[in-house]
Protein backbone atom coordinates (compact mmCIF):
# COMPACT_ATOMS: atom_id res chain seq x y z
CA UNK A 1 -29.71 41.25 -8.56
CA UNK A 2 -31.25 38.07 -7.11
CA UNK A 3 -34.53 38.81 -8.87
CA UNK A 4 -32.75 39.15 -12.20
CA UNK A 5 -30.81 35.91 -11.75
CA UNK A 6 -33.91 34.02 -10.65
CA UNK A 7 -35.83 35.37 -13.61
CA UNK A 8 -33.11 34.18 -16.01
CA UNK A 9 -33.08 30.77 -14.37
CA UNK A 10 -36.87 30.42 -14.59
CA UNK A 11 -36.88 31.54 -18.22
CA UNK A 12 -34.41 28.78 -19.08
CA UNK A 13 -36.13 26.14 -16.96
CA UNK A 14 -37.46 23.22 -19.00
CA UNK A 15 -39.94 20.47 -18.30
CA UNK A 16 -37.03 18.02 -18.35
CA UNK A 17 -35.33 20.03 -15.59
CA UNK A 18 -38.47 19.80 -13.46
CA UNK A 19 -38.97 16.12 -14.20
CA UNK A 20 -35.34 15.31 -13.35
CA UNK A 21 -35.55 17.32 -10.12
CA UNK A 22 -38.69 15.41 -9.21
CA UNK A 23 -37.05 12.05 -9.87
CA UNK A 24 -34.03 13.06 -7.79
CA UNK A 25 -36.41 13.82 -4.91
CA UNK A 26 -38.55 10.69 -5.25
CA UNK A 27 -41.41 12.29 -7.19
CA UNK A 28 -42.71 10.60 -10.31
CA UNK A 29 -44.70 13.15 -12.30
CA UNK A 30 -47.45 12.25 -14.72
CA UNK A 31 -47.40 14.24 -17.98
CA UNK A 32 -50.33 16.44 -16.94
CA UNK A 33 -48.78 17.08 -13.52
CA UNK A 34 -45.52 18.10 -15.17
CA UNK A 35 -47.41 20.55 -17.40
CA UNK A 36 -49.23 22.02 -14.40
CA UNK A 37 -46.08 22.46 -12.31
CA UNK A 38 -44.16 23.92 -15.24
CA UNK A 39 -46.89 26.48 -15.93
CA UNK A 40 -47.24 27.45 -12.26
CA UNK A 41 -43.49 27.94 -11.88
CA UNK A 42 -43.22 29.99 -15.06
CA UNK A 43 -46.18 32.22 -14.19
CA UNK A 44 -46.04 32.45 -10.40
CA UNK A 45 -42.40 32.02 -9.35
CA UNK A 46 -42.29 35.44 -7.70
CA UNK A 47 -45.26 34.58 -5.51
CA UNK A 48 -43.64 31.29 -4.48
CA UNK A 49 -40.33 33.00 -3.74
CA UNK A 50 -41.35 36.37 -2.31
CA UNK A 51 -45.03 36.23 -1.43
CA UNK A 52 -47.69 34.13 0.17
CA UNK A 53 -48.49 31.22 -2.17
CA UNK A 54 -51.30 29.80 -0.03
CA UNK A 55 -53.95 30.22 -2.76
CA UNK A 56 -51.64 28.76 -5.41
CA UNK A 57 -50.87 25.78 -3.22
CA UNK A 58 -54.59 25.21 -2.65
CA UNK A 59 -55.12 25.20 -6.43
CA UNK A 60 -52.27 22.74 -6.89
CA UNK A 61 -53.67 20.51 -4.16
CA UNK A 62 -56.76 19.97 -6.30
CA UNK A 63 -54.90 19.58 -9.61
CA UNK A 64 -52.17 17.14 -8.53
CA UNK A 65 -52.35 13.66 -7.05
CA UNK A 66 -52.28 13.69 -3.27
CA UNK A 67 -48.91 11.90 -3.19
CA UNK A 68 -47.30 14.33 -5.64
CA UNK A 69 -48.73 17.35 -3.86
CA UNK A 70 -47.59 16.11 -0.46
CA UNK A 71 -44.02 15.59 -1.66
CA UNK A 72 -43.92 18.97 -3.41
CA UNK A 73 -45.31 20.73 -0.37
CA UNK A 74 -42.64 19.13 1.82
CA UNK A 75 -39.89 20.21 -0.58
CA UNK A 76 -41.30 23.73 -0.71
CA UNK A 77 -41.41 24.01 3.09
CA UNK A 78 -37.83 22.75 3.36
CA UNK A 79 -36.66 25.26 0.75
CA UNK A 80 -38.45 28.16 2.48
CA UNK A 81 -36.86 27.21 5.80
CA UNK A 82 -33.39 27.23 4.23
CA UNK A 83 -34.00 30.67 2.71
CA UNK A 84 -35.19 32.17 5.98
């Protein structure tokens, strides 16, 4: 059931949703960074939620500014801790 609900949520997720979430958490995303994050979430959400996203995070580290990546990594770690 959770998988289905998450899938529906991700399918409806927009770039504006991501940008607004970033702003709420002190992250200002450049247009290219927003595109990258959007595409990674749409394509790899199961890996981020269920699996080991180490390789994906390493890819993002190279593609995003160091400040943006650092803030996103911190948010991701906090979210994983709440889920576990």
